Structure formats: C-alpha cells, structure tokens
PDBML (XML) file of the C-alpha atoms, coordinates in Angstrom:
<?xml version="1.0" encoding="UTF-8" ?>
<PDBx:datablock datablockName="MODEL"
   xmlns:PDBx="http://pdbml.pdb.org/schema/pdbx-v50.xsd"
   xmlns:xsi="http://www.w3.org/2001/XMLSchema-instance"
   xsi:schemaLocation="http://pdbml.pdb.org/schema/pdbx-v50.xsd pdbx-v50.xsd">
   <PDBx:atom_siteCategory>
      <PDBx:atom_site id="1">
         <PDBx:B_iso_or_equiv>0.00</PDBx:B_iso_or_equiv>
         <PDBx:Cartn_x>-3.346</PDBx:Cartn_x>
         <PDBx:Cartn_y>-15.454</PDBx:Cartn_y>
         <PDBx:Cartn_z>-0.381</PDBx:Cartn_z>
         <PDBx:auth_asym_id>A</PDBx:auth_asym_id>
         <PDBx:auth_atom_id>CA</PDBx:auth_atom_id>
         <PDBx:auth_comp_id>LEU</PDBx:auth_comp_id>
         <PDBx:auth_seq_id>1</PDBx:auth_seq_id>
         <PDBx:group_PDB>ATOM</PDBx:group_PDB>
         <PDBx:label_alt_id xsi:nil="true" />
         <PDBx:label_asym_id>A</PDBx:label_asym_id>
         <PDBx:label_atom_id>CA</PDBx:label_atom_id>
         <PDBx:label_comp_id>LEU</PDBx:label_comp_id>
         <PDBx:label_entity_id>1</PDBx:label_entity_id>
         <PDBx:label_seq_id>1</PDBx:label_seq_id>
         <PDBx:occupancy>1.00</PDBx:occupancy>
         <PDBx:pdbx_PDB_model_num>1</PDBx:pdbx_PDB_model_num>
         <PDBx:type_symbol>C</PDBx:type_symbol>
      </PDBx:atom_site>
      <PDBx:atom_site id="2">
         <PDBx:B_iso_or_equiv>0.00</PDBx:B_iso_or_equiv>
         <PDBx:Cartn_x>-1.600</PDBx:Cartn_x>
         <PDBx:Cartn_y>-12.552</PDBx:Cartn_y>
         <PDBx:Cartn_z>1.388</PDBx:Cartn_z>
         <PDBx:auth_asym_id>A</PDBx:auth_asym_id>
         <PDBx:auth_atom_id>CA</PDBx:auth_atom_id>
         <PDBx:auth_comp_id>LYS</PDBx:auth_comp_id>
         <PDBx:auth_seq_id>2</PDBx:auth_seq_id>
         <PDBx:group_PDB>ATOM</PDBx:group_PDB>
         <PDBx:label_alt_id xsi:nil="true" />
         <PDBx:label_asym_id>A</PDBx:label_asym_id>
         <PDBx:label_atom_id>CA</PDBx:label_atom_id>
         <PDBx:label_comp_id>LYS</PDBx:label_comp_id>
         <PDBx:label_entity_id>1</PDBx:label_entity_id>
         <PDBx:label_seq_id>2</PDBx:label_seq_id>
         <PDBx:occupancy>1.00</PDBx:occupancy>
         <PDBx:pdbx_PDB_model_num>1</PDBx:pdbx_PDB_model_num>
         <PDBx:type_symbol>C</PDBx:type_symbol>
      </PDBx:atom_site>
      <PDBx:atom_site id="3">
         <PDBx:B_iso_or_equiv>0.00</PDBx:B_iso_or_equiv>
         <PDBx:Cartn_x>-2.275</PDBx:Cartn_x>
         <PDBx:Cartn_y>-14.185</PDBx:Cartn_y>
         <PDBx:Cartn_z>4.759</PDBx:Cartn_z>
         <PDBx:auth_asym_id>A</PDBx:auth_asym_id>
         <PDBx:auth_atom_id>CA</PDBx:auth_atom_id>
         <PDBx:auth_comp_id>SER</PDBx:auth_comp_id>
         <PDBx:auth_seq_id>3</PDBx:auth_seq_id>
         <PDBx:group_PDB>ATOM</PDBx:group_PDB>
         <PDBx:label_alt_id xsi:nil="true" />
         <PDBx:label_asym_id>A</PDBx:label_asym_id>
         <PDBx:label_atom_id>CA</PDBx:label_atom_id>
         <PDBx:label_comp_id>SER</PDBx:label_comp_id>
         <PDBx:label_entity_id>1</PDBx:label_entity_id>
         <PDBx:label_seq_id>3</PDBx:label_seq_id>
         <PDBx:occupancy>1.00</PDBx:occupancy>
         <PDBx:pdbx_PDB_model_num>1</PDBx:pdbx_PDB_model_num>
         <PDBx:type_symbol>C</PDBx:type_symbol>
      </PDBx:atom_site>
      <PDBx:atom_site id="4">
         <PDBx:B_iso_or_equiv>0.00</PDBx:B_iso_or_equiv>
         <PDBx:Cartn_x>0.560</PDBx:Cartn_x>
         <PDBx:Cartn_y>-16.644</PDBx:Cartn_y>
         <PDBx:Cartn_z>4.042</PDBx:Cartn_z>
         <PDBx:auth_asym_id>A</PDBx:auth_asym_id>
         <PDBx:auth_atom_id>CA</PDBx:auth_atom_id>
         <PDBx:auth_comp_id>LYS</PDBx:auth_comp_id>
         <PDBx:auth_seq_id>4</PDBx:auth_seq_id>
         <PDBx:group_PDB>ATOM</PDBx:group_PDB>
         <PDBx:label_alt_id xsi:nil="true" />
         <PDBx:label_asym_id>A</PDBx:label_asym_id>
         <PDBx:label_atom_id>CA</PDBx:label_atom_id>
         <PDBx:label_comp_id>LYS</PDBx:label_comp_id>
         <PDBx:label_entity_id>1</PDBx:label_entity_id>
         <PDBx:label_seq_id>4</PDBx:label_seq_id>
         <PDBx:occupancy>1.00</PDBx:occupancy>
         <PDBx:pdbx_PDB_model_num>1</PDBx:pdbx_PDB_model_num>
         <PDBx:type_symbol>C</PDBx:type_symbol>
      </PDBx:atom_site>
      <PDBx:atom_site id="5">
         <PDBx:B_iso_or_equiv>0.00</PDBx:B_iso_or_equiv>
         <PDBx:Cartn_x>-1.494</PDBx:Cartn_x>
         <PDBx:Cartn_y>-19.689</PDBx:Cartn_y>
         <PDBx:Cartn_z>4.995</PDBx:Cartn_z>
         <PDBx:auth_asym_id>A</PDBx:auth_asym_id>
         <PDBx:auth_atom_id>CA</PDBx:auth_atom_id>
         <PDBx:auth_comp_id>ILE</PDBx:auth_comp_id>
         <PDBx:auth_seq_id>5</PDBx:auth_seq_id>
         <PDBx:group_PDB>ATOM</PDBx:group_PDB>
         <PDBx:label_alt_id xsi:nil="true" />
         <PDBx:label_asym_id>A</PDBx:label_asym_id>
         <PDBx:label_atom_id>CA</PDBx:label_atom_id>
         <PDBx:label_comp_id>ILE</PDBx:label_comp_id>
         <PDBx:label_entity_id>1</PDBx:label_entity_id>
         <PDBx:label_seq_id>5</PDBx:label_seq_id>
         <PDBx:occupancy>1.00</PDBx:occupancy>
         <PDBx:pdbx_PDB_model_num>1</PDBx:pdbx_PDB_model_num>
         <PDBx:type_symbol>C</PDBx:type_symbol>
      </PDBx:atom_site>
      <PDBx:atom_site id="6">
         <PDBx:B_iso_or_equiv>0.00</PDBx:B_iso_or_equiv>
         <PDBx:Cartn_x>0.472</PDBx:Cartn_x>
         <PDBx:Cartn_y>-22.790</PDBx:Cartn_y>
         <PDBx:Cartn_z>4.052</PDBx:Cartn_z>
         <PDBx:auth_asym_id>A</PDBx:auth_asym_id>
         <PDBx:auth_atom_id>CA</PDBx:auth_atom_id>
         <PDBx:auth_comp_id>SER</PDBx:auth_comp_id>
         <PDBx:auth_seq_id>6</PDBx:auth_seq_id>
         <PDBx:group_PDB>ATOM</PDBx:group_PDB>
         <PDBx:label_alt_id xsi:nil="true" />
         <PDBx:label_asym_id>A</PDBx:label_asym_id>
         <PDBx:label_atom_id>CA</PDBx:label_atom_id>
         <PDBx:label_comp_id>SER</PDBx:label_comp_id>
         <PDBx:label_entity_id>1</PDBx:label_entity_id>
         <PDBx:label_seq_id>6</PDBx:label_seq_id>
         <PDBx:occupancy>1.00</PDBx:occupancy>
         <PDBx:pdbx_PDB_model_num>1</PDBx:pdbx_PDB_model_num>
         <PDBx:type_symbol>C</PDBx:type_symbol>
      </PDBx:atom_site>
      <PDBx:atom_site id="7">
         <PDBx:B_iso_or_equiv>0.00</PDBx:B_iso_or_equiv>
         <PDBx:Cartn_x>-0.604</PDBx:Cartn_x>
         <PDBx:Cartn_y>-24.308</PDBx:Cartn_y>
         <PDBx:Cartn_z>0.709</PDBx:Cartn_z>
         <PDBx:auth_asym_id>A</PDBx:auth_asym_id>
         <PDBx:auth_atom_id>CA</PDBx:auth_atom_id>
         <PDBx:auth_comp_id>PRO</PDBx:auth_comp_id>
         <PDBx:auth_seq_id>7</PDBx:auth_seq_id>
         <PDBx:group_PDB>ATOM</PDBx:group_PDB>
         <PDBx:label_alt_id xsi:nil="true" />
         <PDBx:label_asym_id>A</PDBx:label_asym_id>
         <PDBx:label_atom_id>CA</PDBx:label_atom_id>
         <PDBx:label_comp_id>PRO</PDBx:label_comp_id>
         <PDBx:label_entity_id>1</PDBx:label_entity_id>
         <PDBx:label_seq_id>7</PDBx:label_seq_id>
         <PDBx:occupancy>1.00</PDBx:occupancy>
         <PDBx:pdbx_PDB_model_num>1</PDBx:pdbx_PDB_model_num>
         <PDBx:type_symbol>C</PDBx:type_symbol>
      </PDBx:atom_site>
      <PDBx:atom_site id="8">
         <PDBx:B_iso_or_equiv>0.00</PDBx:B_iso_or_equiv>
         <PDBx:Cartn_x>-0.794</PDBx:Cartn_x>
         <PDBx:Cartn_y>-27.711</PDBx:Cartn_y>
         <PDBx:Cartn_z>2.412</PDBx:Cartn_z>
         <PDBx:auth_asym_id>A</PDBx:auth_asym_id>
         <PDBx:auth_atom_id>CA</PDBx:auth_atom_id>
         <PDBx:auth_comp_id>VAL</PDBx:auth_comp_id>
         <PDBx:auth_seq_id>8</PDBx:auth_seq_id>
         <PDBx:group_PDB>ATOM</PDBx:group_PDB>
         <PDBx:label_alt_id xsi:nil="true" />
         <PDBx:label_asym_id>A</PDBx:label_asym_id>
         <PDBx:label_atom_id>CA</PDBx:label_atom_id>
         <PDBx:label_comp_id>VAL</PDBx:label_comp_id>
         <PDBx:label_entity_id>1</PDBx:label_entity_id>
         <PDBx:label_seq_id>8</PDBx:label_seq_id>
         <PDBx:occupancy>1.00</PDBx:occupancy>
         <PDBx:pdbx_PDB_model_num>1</PDBx:pdbx_PDB_model_num>
         <PDBx:type_symbol>C</PDBx:type_symbol>
      </PDBx:atom_site>
      <PDBx:atom_site id="9">
         <PDBx:B_iso_or_equiv>0.00</PDBx:B_iso_or_equiv>
         <PDBx:Cartn_x>-3.534</PDBx:Cartn_x>
         <PDBx:Cartn_y>-26.335</PDBx:Cartn_y>
         <PDBx:Cartn_z>4.681</PDBx:Cartn_z>
         <PDBx:auth_asym_id>A</PDBx:auth_asym_id>
         <PDBx:auth_atom_id>CA</PDBx:auth_atom_id>
         <PDBx:auth_comp_id>ASN</PDBx:auth_comp_id>
         <PDBx:auth_seq_id>9</PDBx:auth_seq_id>
         <PDBx:group_PDB>ATOM</PDBx:group_PDB>
         <PDBx:label_alt_id xsi:nil="true" />
         <PDBx:label_asym_id>A</PDBx:label_asym_id>
         <PDBx:label_atom_id>CA</PDBx:label_atom_id>
         <PDBx:label_comp_id>ASN</PDBx:label_comp_id>
         <PDBx:label_entity_id>1</PDBx:label_entity_id>
         <PDBx:label_seq_id>9</PDBx:label_seq_id>
         <PDBx:occupancy>1.00</PDBx:occupancy>
         <PDBx:pdbx_PDB_model_num>1</PDBx:pdbx_PDB_model_num>
         <PDBx:type_symbol>C</PDBx:type_symbol>
      </PDBx:atom_site>
      <PDBx:atom_site id="10">
         <PDBx:B_iso_or_equiv>0.00</PDBx:B_iso_or_equiv>
         <PDBx:Cartn_x>-7.045</PDBx:Cartn_x>
         <PDBx:Cartn_y>-27.641</PDBx:Cartn_y>
         <PDBx:Cartn_z>4.012</PDBx:Cartn_z>
         <PDBx:auth_asym_id>A</PDBx:auth_asym_id>
         <PDBx:auth_atom_id>CA</PDBx:auth_atom_id>
         <PDBx:auth_comp_id>THR</PDBx:auth_comp_id>
         <PDBx:auth_seq_id>10</PDBx:auth_seq_id>
         <PDBx:group_PDB>ATOM</PDBx:group_PDB>
         <PDBx:label_alt_id xsi:nil="true" />
         <PDBx:label_asym_id>A</PDBx:label_asym_id>
         <PDBx:label_atom_id>CA</PDBx:label_atom_id>
         <PDBx:label_comp_id>THR</PDBx:label_comp_id>
         <PDBx:label_entity_id>1</PDBx:label_entity_id>
         <PDBx:label_seq_id>10</PDBx:label_seq_id>
         <PDBx:occupancy>1.00</PDBx:occupancy>
         <PDBx:pdbx_PDB_model_num>1</PDBx:pdbx_PDB_model_num>
         <PDBx:type_symbol>C</PDBx:type_symbol>
      </PDBx:atom_site>
      <PDBx:atom_site id="11">
         <PDBx:B_iso_or_equiv>0.00</PDBx:B_iso_or_equiv>
         <PDBx:Cartn_x>-8.232</PDBx:Cartn_x>
         <PDBx:Cartn_y>-24.083</PDBx:Cartn_y>
         <PDBx:Cartn_z>3.379</PDBx:Cartn_z>
         <PDBx:auth_asym_id>A</PDBx:auth_asym_id>
         <PDBx:auth_atom_id>CA</PDBx:auth_atom_id>
         <PDBx:auth_comp_id>ALA</PDBx:auth_comp_id>
         <PDBx:auth_seq_id>11</PDBx:auth_seq_id>
         <PDBx:group_PDB>ATOM</PDBx:group_PDB>
         <PDBx:label_alt_id xsi:nil="true" />
         <PDBx:label_asym_id>A</PDBx:label_asym_id>
         <PDBx:label_atom_id>CA</PDBx:label_atom_id>
         <PDBx:label_comp_id>ALA</PDBx:label_comp_id>
         <PDBx:label_entity_id>1</PDBx:label_entity_id>
         <PDBx:label_seq_id>11</PDBx:label_seq_id>
         <PDBx:occupancy>1.00</PDBx:occupancy>
         <PDBx:pdbx_PDB_model_num>1</PDBx:pdbx_PDB_model_num>
         <PDBx:type_symbol>C</PDBx:type_symbol>
      </PDBx:atom_site>
      <PDBx:atom_site id="12">
         <PDBx:B_iso_or_equiv>0.00</PDBx:B_iso_or_equiv>
         <PDBx:Cartn_x>-6.372</PDBx:Cartn_x>
         <PDBx:Cartn_y>-24.129</PDBx:Cartn_y>
         <PDBx:Cartn_z>0.066</PDBx:Cartn_z>
         <PDBx:auth_asym_id>A</PDBx:auth_asym_id>
         <PDBx:auth_atom_id>CA</PDBx:auth_atom_id>
         <PDBx:auth_comp_id>TYR</PDBx:auth_comp_id>
         <PDBx:auth_seq_id>12</PDBx:auth_seq_id>
         <PDBx:group_PDB>ATOM</PDBx:group_PDB>
         <PDBx:label_alt_id xsi:nil="true" />
         <PDBx:label_asym_id>A</PDBx:label_asym_id>
         <PDBx:label_atom_id>CA</PDBx:label_atom_id>
         <PDBx:label_comp_id>TYR</PDBx:label_comp_id>
         <PDBx:label_entity_id>1</PDBx:label_entity_id>
         <PDBx:label_seq_id>12</PDBx:label_seq_id>
         <PDBx:occupancy>1.00</PDBx:occupancy>
         <PDBx:pdbx_PDB_model_num>1</PDBx:pdbx_PDB_model_num>
         <PDBx:type_symbol>C</PDBx:type_symbol>
      </PDBx:atom_site>
      <PDBx:atom_site id="13">
         <PDBx:B_iso_or_equiv>0.00</PDBx:B_iso_or_equiv>
         <PDBx:Cartn_x>-8.689</PDBx:Cartn_x>
         <PDBx:Cartn_y>-26.910</PDBx:Cartn_y>
         <PDBx:Cartn_z>-1.114</PDBx:Cartn_z>
         <PDBx:auth_asym_id>A</PDBx:auth_asym_id>
         <PDBx:auth_atom_id>CA</PDBx:auth_atom_id>
         <PDBx:auth_comp_id>LYS</PDBx:auth_comp_id>
         <PDBx:auth_seq_id>13</PDBx:auth_seq_id>
         <PDBx:group_PDB>ATOM</PDBx:group_PDB>
         <PDBx:label_alt_id xsi:nil="true" />
         <PDBx:label_asym_id>A</PDBx:label_asym_id>
         <PDBx:label_atom_id>CA</PDBx:label_atom_id>
         <PDBx:label_comp_id>LYS</PDBx:label_comp_id>
         <PDBx:label_entity_id>1</PDBx:label_entity_id>
         <PDBx:label_seq_id>13</PDBx:label_seq_id>
         <PDBx:occupancy>1.00</PDBx:occupancy>
         <PDBx:pdbx_PDB_model_num>1</PDBx:pdbx_PDB_model_num>
         <PDBx:type_symbol>C</PDBx:type_symbol>
      </PDBx:atom_site>
      <PDBx:atom_site id="14">
         <PDBx:B_iso_or_equiv>0.00</PDBx:B_iso_or_equiv>
         <PDBx:Cartn_x>-11.759</PDBx:Cartn_x>
         <PDBx:Cartn_y>-24.670</PDBx:Cartn_y>
         <PDBx:Cartn_z>-1.057</PDBx:Cartn_z>
         <PDBx:auth_asym_id>A</PDBx:auth_asym_id>
         <PDBx:auth_atom_id>CA</PDBx:auth_atom_id>
         <PDBx:auth_comp_id>MET</PDBx:auth_comp_id>
         <PDBx:auth_seq_id>14</PDBx:auth_seq_id>
         <PDBx:group_PDB>ATOM</PDBx:group_PDB>
         <PDBx:label_alt_id xsi:nil="true" />
         <PDBx:label_asym_id>A</PDBx:label_asym_id>
         <PDBx:label_atom_id>CA</PDBx:label_atom_id>
         <PDBx:label_comp_id>MET</PDBx:label_comp_id>
         <PDBx:label_entity_id>1</PDBx:label_entity_id>
         <PDBx:label_seq_id>14</PDBx:label_seq_id>
         <PDBx:occupancy>1.00</PDBx:occupancy>
         <PDBx:pdbx_PDB_model_num>1</PDBx:pdbx_PDB_model_num>
         <PDBx:type_symbol>C</PDBx:type_symbol>
      </PDBx:atom_site>
      <PDBx:atom_site id="15">
         <PDBx:B_iso_or_equiv>0.00</PDBx:B_iso_or_equiv>
         <PDBx:Cartn_x>-13.436</PDBx:Cartn_x>
         <PDBx:Cartn_y>-24.451</PDBx:Cartn_y>
         <PDBx:Cartn_z>-4.427</PDBx:Cartn_z>
         <PDBx:auth_asym_id>A</PDBx:auth_asym_id>
         <PDBx:auth_atom_id>CA</PDBx:auth_atom_id>
         <PDBx:auth_comp_id>ILE</PDBx:auth_comp_id>
         <PDBx:auth_seq_id>15</PDBx:auth_seq_id>
         <PDBx:group_PDB>ATOM</PDBx:group_PDB>
         <PDBx:label_alt_id xsi:nil="true" />
         <PDBx:label_asym_id>A</PDBx:label_asym_id>
         <PDBx:label_atom_id>CA</PDBx:label_atom_id>
         <PDBx:label_comp_id>ILE</PDBx:label_comp_id>
         <PDBx:label_entity_id>1</PDBx:label_entity_id>
         <PDBx:label_seq_id>15</PDBx:label_seq_id>
         <PDBx:occupancy>1.00</PDBx:occupancy>
         <PDBx:pdbx_PDB_model_num>1</PDBx:pdbx_PDB_model_num>
         <PDBx:type_symbol>C</PDBx:type_symbol>
      </PDBx:atom_site>
      <PDBx:atom_site id="16">
         <PDBx:B_iso_or_equiv>0.00</PDBx:B_iso_or_equiv>
         <PDBx:Cartn_x>-12.385</PDBx:Cartn_x>
         <PDBx:Cartn_y>-21.206</PDBx:Cartn_y>
         <PDBx:Cartn_z>-6.066</PDBx:Cartn_z>
         <PDBx:auth_asym_id>A</PDBx:auth_asym_id>
         <PDBx:auth_atom_id>CA</PDBx:auth_atom_id>
         <PDBx:auth_comp_id>GLY</PDBx:auth_comp_id>
         <PDBx:auth_seq_id>16</PDBx:auth_seq_id>
         <PDBx:group_PDB>ATOM</PDBx:group_PDB>
         <PDBx:label_alt_id xsi:nil="true" />
         <PDBx:label_asym_id>A</PDBx:label_asym_id>
         <PDBx:label_atom_id>CA</PDBx:label_atom_id>
         <PDBx:label_comp_id>GLY</PDBx:label_comp_id>
         <PDBx:label_entity_id>1</PDBx:label_entity_id>
         <PDBx:label_seq_id>16</PDBx:label_seq_id>
         <PDBx:occupancy>1.00</PDBx:occupancy>
         <PDBx:pdbx_PDB_model_num>1</PDBx:pdbx_PDB_model_num>
         <PDBx:type_symbol>C</PDBx:type_symbol>
      </PDBx:atom_site>
      <PDBx:atom_site id="17">
         <PDBx:B_iso_or_equiv>0.00</PDBx:B_iso_or_equiv>
         <PDBx:Cartn_x>-9.035</PDBx:Cartn_x>
         <PDBx:Cartn_y>-20.590</PDBx:Cartn_y>
         <PDBx:Cartn_z>-4.379</PDBx:Cartn_z>
         <PDBx:auth_asym_id>A</PDBx:auth_asym_id>
         <PDBx:auth_atom_id>CA</PDBx:auth_atom_id>
         <PDBx:auth_comp_id>ILE</PDBx:auth_comp_id>
         <PDBx:auth_seq_id>17</PDBx:auth_seq_id>
         <PDBx:group_PDB>ATOM</PDBx:group_PDB>
         <PDBx:label_alt_id xsi:nil="true" />
         <PDBx:label_asym_id>A</PDBx:label_asym_id>
         <PDBx:label_atom_id>CA</PDBx:label_atom_id>
         <PDBx:label_comp_id>ILE</PDBx:label_comp_id>
         <PDBx:label_entity_id>1</PDBx:label_entity_id>
         <PDBx:label_seq_id>17</PDBx:label_seq_id>
         <PDBx:occupancy>1.00</PDBx:occupancy>
         <PDBx:pdbx_PDB_model_num>1</PDBx:pdbx_PDB_model_num>
         <PDBx:type_symbol>C</PDBx:type_symbol>
      </PDBx:atom_site>
      <PDBx:atom_site id="18">
         <PDBx:B_iso_or_equiv>0.00</PDBx:B_iso_or_equiv>
         <PDBx:Cartn_x>-6.951</PDBx:Cartn_x>
         <PDBx:Cartn_y>-22.256</PDBx:Cartn_y>
         <PDBx:Cartn_z>-7.098</PDBx:Cartn_z>
         <PDBx:auth_asym_id>A</PDBx:auth_asym_id>
         <PDBx:auth_atom_id>CA</PDBx:auth_atom_id>
         <PDBx:auth_comp_id>LEU</PDBx:auth_comp_id>
         <PDBx:auth_seq_id>18</PDBx:auth_seq_id>
         <PDBx:group_PDB>ATOM</PDBx:group_PDB>
         <PDBx:label_alt_id xsi:nil="true" />
         <PDBx:label_asym_id>A</PDBx:label_asym_id>
         <PDBx:label_atom_id>CA</PDBx:label_atom_id>
         <PDBx:label_comp_id>LEU</PDBx:label_comp_id>
         <PDBx:label_entity_id>1</PDBx:label_entity_id>
         <PDBx:label_seq_id>18</PDBx:label_seq_id>
         <PDBx:occupancy>1.00</PDBx:occupancy>
         <PDBx:pdbx_PDB_model_num>1</PDBx:pdbx_PDB_model_num>
         <PDBx:type_symbol>C</PDBx:type_symbol>
      </PDBx:atom_site>
      <PDBx:atom_site id="19">
         <PDBx:B_iso_or_equiv>0.00</PDBx:B_iso_or_equiv>
         <PDBx:Cartn_x>-9.045</PDBx:Cartn_x>
         <PDBx:Cartn_y>-20.867</PDBx:Cartn_y>
         <PDBx:Cartn_z>-9.939</PDBx:Cartn_z>
         <PDBx:auth_asym_id>A</PDBx:auth_asym_id>
         <PDBx:auth_atom_id>CA</PDBx:auth_atom_id>
         <PDBx:auth_comp_id>GLU</PDBx:auth_comp_id>
         <PDBx:auth_seq_id>19</PDBx:auth_seq_id>
         <PDBx:group_PDB>ATOM</PDBx:group_PDB>
         <PDBx:label_alt_id xsi:nil="true" />
         <PDBx:label_asym_id>A</PDBx:label_asym_id>
         <PDBx:label_atom_id>CA</PDBx:label_atom_id>
         <PDBx:label_comp_id>GLU</PDBx:label_comp_id>
         <PDBx:label_entity_id>1</PDBx:label_entity_id>
         <PDBx:label_seq_id>19</PDBx:label_seq_id>
         <PDBx:occupancy>1.00</PDBx:occupancy>
         <PDBx:pdbx_PDB_model_num>1</PDBx:pdbx_PDB_model_num>
         <PDBx:type_symbol>C</PDBx:type_symbol>
      </PDBx:atom_site>
      <PDBx:atom_site id="20">
         <PDBx:B_iso_or_equiv>0.00</PDBx:B_iso_or_equiv>
         <PDBx:Cartn_x>-8.947</PDBx:Cartn_x>
         <PDBx:Cartn_y>-17.284</PDBx:Cartn_y>
         <PDBx:Cartn_z>-8.681</PDBx:Cartn_z>
         <PDBx:auth_asym_id>A</PDBx:auth_asym_id>
         <PDBx:auth_atom_id>CA</PDBx:auth_atom_id>
         <PDBx:auth_comp_id>ILE</PDBx:auth_comp_id>
         <PDBx:auth_seq_id>20</PDBx:auth_seq_id>
         <PDBx:group_PDB>ATOM</PDBx:group_PDB>
         <PDBx:label_alt_id xsi:nil="true" />
         <PDBx:label_asym_id>A</PDBx:label_asym_id>
         <PDBx:label_atom_id>CA</PDBx:label_atom_id>
         <PDBx:label_comp_id>ILE</PDBx:label_comp_id>
         <PDBx:label_entity_id>1</PDBx:label_entity_id>
         <PDBx:label_seq_id>20</PDBx:label_seq_id>
         <PDBx:occupancy>1.00</PDBx:occupancy>
         <PDBx:pdbx_PDB_model_num>1</PDBx:pdbx_PDB_model_num>
         <PDBx:type_symbol>C</PDBx:type_symbol>
      </PDBx:atom_site>
      <PDBx:atom_site id="21">
         <PDBx:B_iso_or_equiv>0.00</PDBx:B_iso_or_equiv>
         <PDBx:Cartn_x>-5.240</PDBx:Cartn_x>
         <PDBx:Cartn_y>-17.576</PDBx:Cartn_y>
         <PDBx:Cartn_z>-7.851</PDBx:Cartn_z>
         <PDBx:auth_asym_id>A</PDBx:auth_asym_id>
         <PDBx:auth_atom_id>CA</PDBx:auth_atom_id>
         <PDBx:auth_comp_id>ARG</PDBx:auth_comp_id>
         <PDBx:auth_seq_id>21</PDBx:auth_seq_id>
         <PDBx:group_PDB>ATOM</PDBx:group_PDB>
         <PDBx:label_alt_id xsi:nil="true" />
         <PDBx:label_asym_id>A</PDBx:label_asym_id>
         <PDBx:label_atom_id>CA</PDBx:label_atom_id>
         <PDBx:label_comp_id>ARG</PDBx:label_comp_id>
         <PDBx:label_entity_id>1</PDBx:label_entity_id>
         <PDBx:label_seq_id>21</PDBx:label_seq_id>
         <PDBx:occupancy>1.00</PDBx:occupancy>
         <PDBx:pdbx_PDB_model_num>1</PDBx:pdbx_PDB_model_num>
         <PDBx:type_symbol>C</PDBx:type_symbol>
      </PDBx:atom_site>
      <PDBx:atom_site id="22">
         <PDBx:B_iso_or_equiv>0.00</PDBx:B_iso_or_equiv>
         <PDBx:Cartn_x>-4.640</PDBx:Cartn_x>
         <PDBx:Cartn_y>-18.682</PDBx:Cartn_y>
         <PDBx:Cartn_z>-11.445</PDBx:Cartn_z>
         <PDBx:auth_asym_id>A</PDBx:auth_asym_id>
         <PDBx:auth_atom_id>CA</PDBx:auth_atom_id>
         <PDBx:auth_comp_id>ASN</PDBx:auth_comp_id>
         <PDBx:auth_seq_id>22</PDBx:auth_seq_id>
         <PDBx:group_PDB>ATOM</PDBx:group_PDB>
         <PDBx:label_alt_id xsi:nil="true" />
         <PDBx:label_asym_id>A</PDBx:label_asym_id>
         <PDBx:label_atom_id>CA</PDBx:label_atom_id>
         <PDBx:label_comp_id>ASN</PDBx:label_comp_id>
         <PDBx:label_entity_id>1</PDBx:label_entity_id>
         <PDBx:label_seq_id>22</PDBx:label_seq_id>
         <PDBx:occupancy>1.00</PDBx:occupancy>
         <PDBx:pdbx_PDB_model_num>1</PDBx:pdbx_PDB_model_num>
         <PDBx:type_symbol>C</PDBx:type_symbol>
      </PDBx:atom_site>
      <PDBx:atom_site id="23">
         <PDBx:B_iso_or_equiv>0.00</PDBx:B_iso_or_equiv>
         <PDBx:Cartn_x>-6.680</PDBx:Cartn_x>
         <PDBx:Cartn_y>-15.692</PDBx:Cartn_y>
         <PDBx:Cartn_z>-12.644</PDBx:Cartn_z>
         <PDBx:auth_asym_id>A</PDBx:auth_asym_id>
         <PDBx:auth_atom_id>CA</PDBx:auth_atom_id>
         <PDBx:auth_comp_id>PHE</PDBx:auth_comp_id>
         <PDBx:auth_seq_id>23</PDBx:auth_seq_id>
         <PDBx:group_PDB>ATOM</PDBx:group_PDB>
         <PDBx:label_alt_id xsi:nil="true" />
         <PDBx:label_asym_id>A</PDBx:label_asym_id>
         <PDBx:label_atom_id>CA</PDBx:label_atom_id>
         <PDBx:label_comp_id>PHE</PDBx:label_comp_id>
         <PDBx:label_entity_id>1</PDBx:label_entity_id>
         <PDBx:label_seq_id>23</PDBx:label_seq_id>
         <PDBx:occupancy>1.00</PDBx:occupancy>
         <PDBx:pdbx_PDB_model_num>1</PDBx:pdbx_PDB_model_num>
         <PDBx:type_symbol>C</PDBx:type_symbol>
      </PDBx:atom_site>
      <PDBx:atom_site id="24">
         <PDBx:B_iso_or_equiv>0.00</PDBx:B_iso_or_equiv>
         <PDBx:Cartn_x>-4.654</PDBx:Cartn_x>
         <PDBx:Cartn_y>-13.327</PDBx:Cartn_y>
         <PDBx:Cartn_z>-10.460</PDBx:Cartn_z>
         <PDBx:auth_asym_id>A</PDBx:auth_asym_id>
         <PDBx:auth_atom_id>CA</PDBx:auth_atom_id>
         <PDBx:auth_comp_id>LEU</PDBx:auth_comp_id>
         <PDBx:auth_seq_id>24</PDBx:auth_seq_id>
         <PDBx:group_PDB>ATOM</PDBx:group_PDB>
         <PDBx:label_alt_id xsi:nil="true" />
         <PDBx:label_asym_id>A</PDBx:label_asym_id>
         <PDBx:label_atom_id>CA</PDBx:label_atom_id>
         <PDBx:label_comp_id>LEU</PDBx:label_comp_id>
         <PDBx:label_entity_id>1</PDBx:label_entity_id>
         <PDBx:label_seq_id>24</PDBx:label_seq_id>
         <PDBx:occupancy>1.00</PDBx:occupancy>
         <PDBx:pdbx_PDB_model_num>1</PDBx:pdbx_PDB_model_num>
         <PDBx:type_symbol>C</PDBx:type_symbol>
      </PDBx:atom_site>
      <PDBx:atom_site id="25">
         <PDBx:B_iso_or_equiv>0.00</PDBx:B_iso_or_equiv>
         <PDBx:Cartn_x>-1.438</PDBx:Cartn_x>
         <PDBx:Cartn_y>-14.847</PDBx:Cartn_y>
         <PDBx:Cartn_z>-11.850</PDBx:Cartn_z>
         <PDBx:auth_asym_id>A</PDBx:auth_asym_id>
         <PDBx:auth_atom_id>CA</PDBx:auth_atom_id>
         <PDBx:auth_comp_id>ASN</PDBx:auth_comp_id>
         <PDBx:auth_seq_id>25</PDBx:auth_seq_id>
         <PDBx:group_PDB>ATOM</PDBx:group_PDB>
         <PDBx:label_alt_id xsi:nil="true" />
         <PDBx:label_asym_id>A</PDBx:label_asym_id>
         <PDBx:label_atom_id>CA</PDBx:label_atom_id>
         <PDBx:label_comp_id>ASN</PDBx:label_comp_id>
         <PDBx:label_entity_id>1</PDBx:label_entity_id>
         <PDBx:label_seq_id>25</PDBx:label_seq_id>
         <PDBx:occupancy>1.00</PDBx:occupancy>
         <PDBx:pdbx_PDB_model_num>1</PDBx:pdbx_PDB_model_num>
         <PDBx:type_symbol>C</PDBx:type_symbol>
      </PDBx:atom_site>
   </PDBx:atom_siteCategory>
</PDBx:datablock>
C-alpha cells in the first residue's frame, strides 16, 4: 500500500489486499 501502486492496477485485485487494507483502516 505504501508503494503507491494505482488502485486500478490488477495487483489490487489480489485476494487479501482489500481485506487487509480494511483491517489496517
């Protein structure tokens, strides 16, 4: 998340990214 990869990038669709981001927030 700190790497500033664009949220439209396919990497953001990896299972776990959204869930862990929501945990961190």
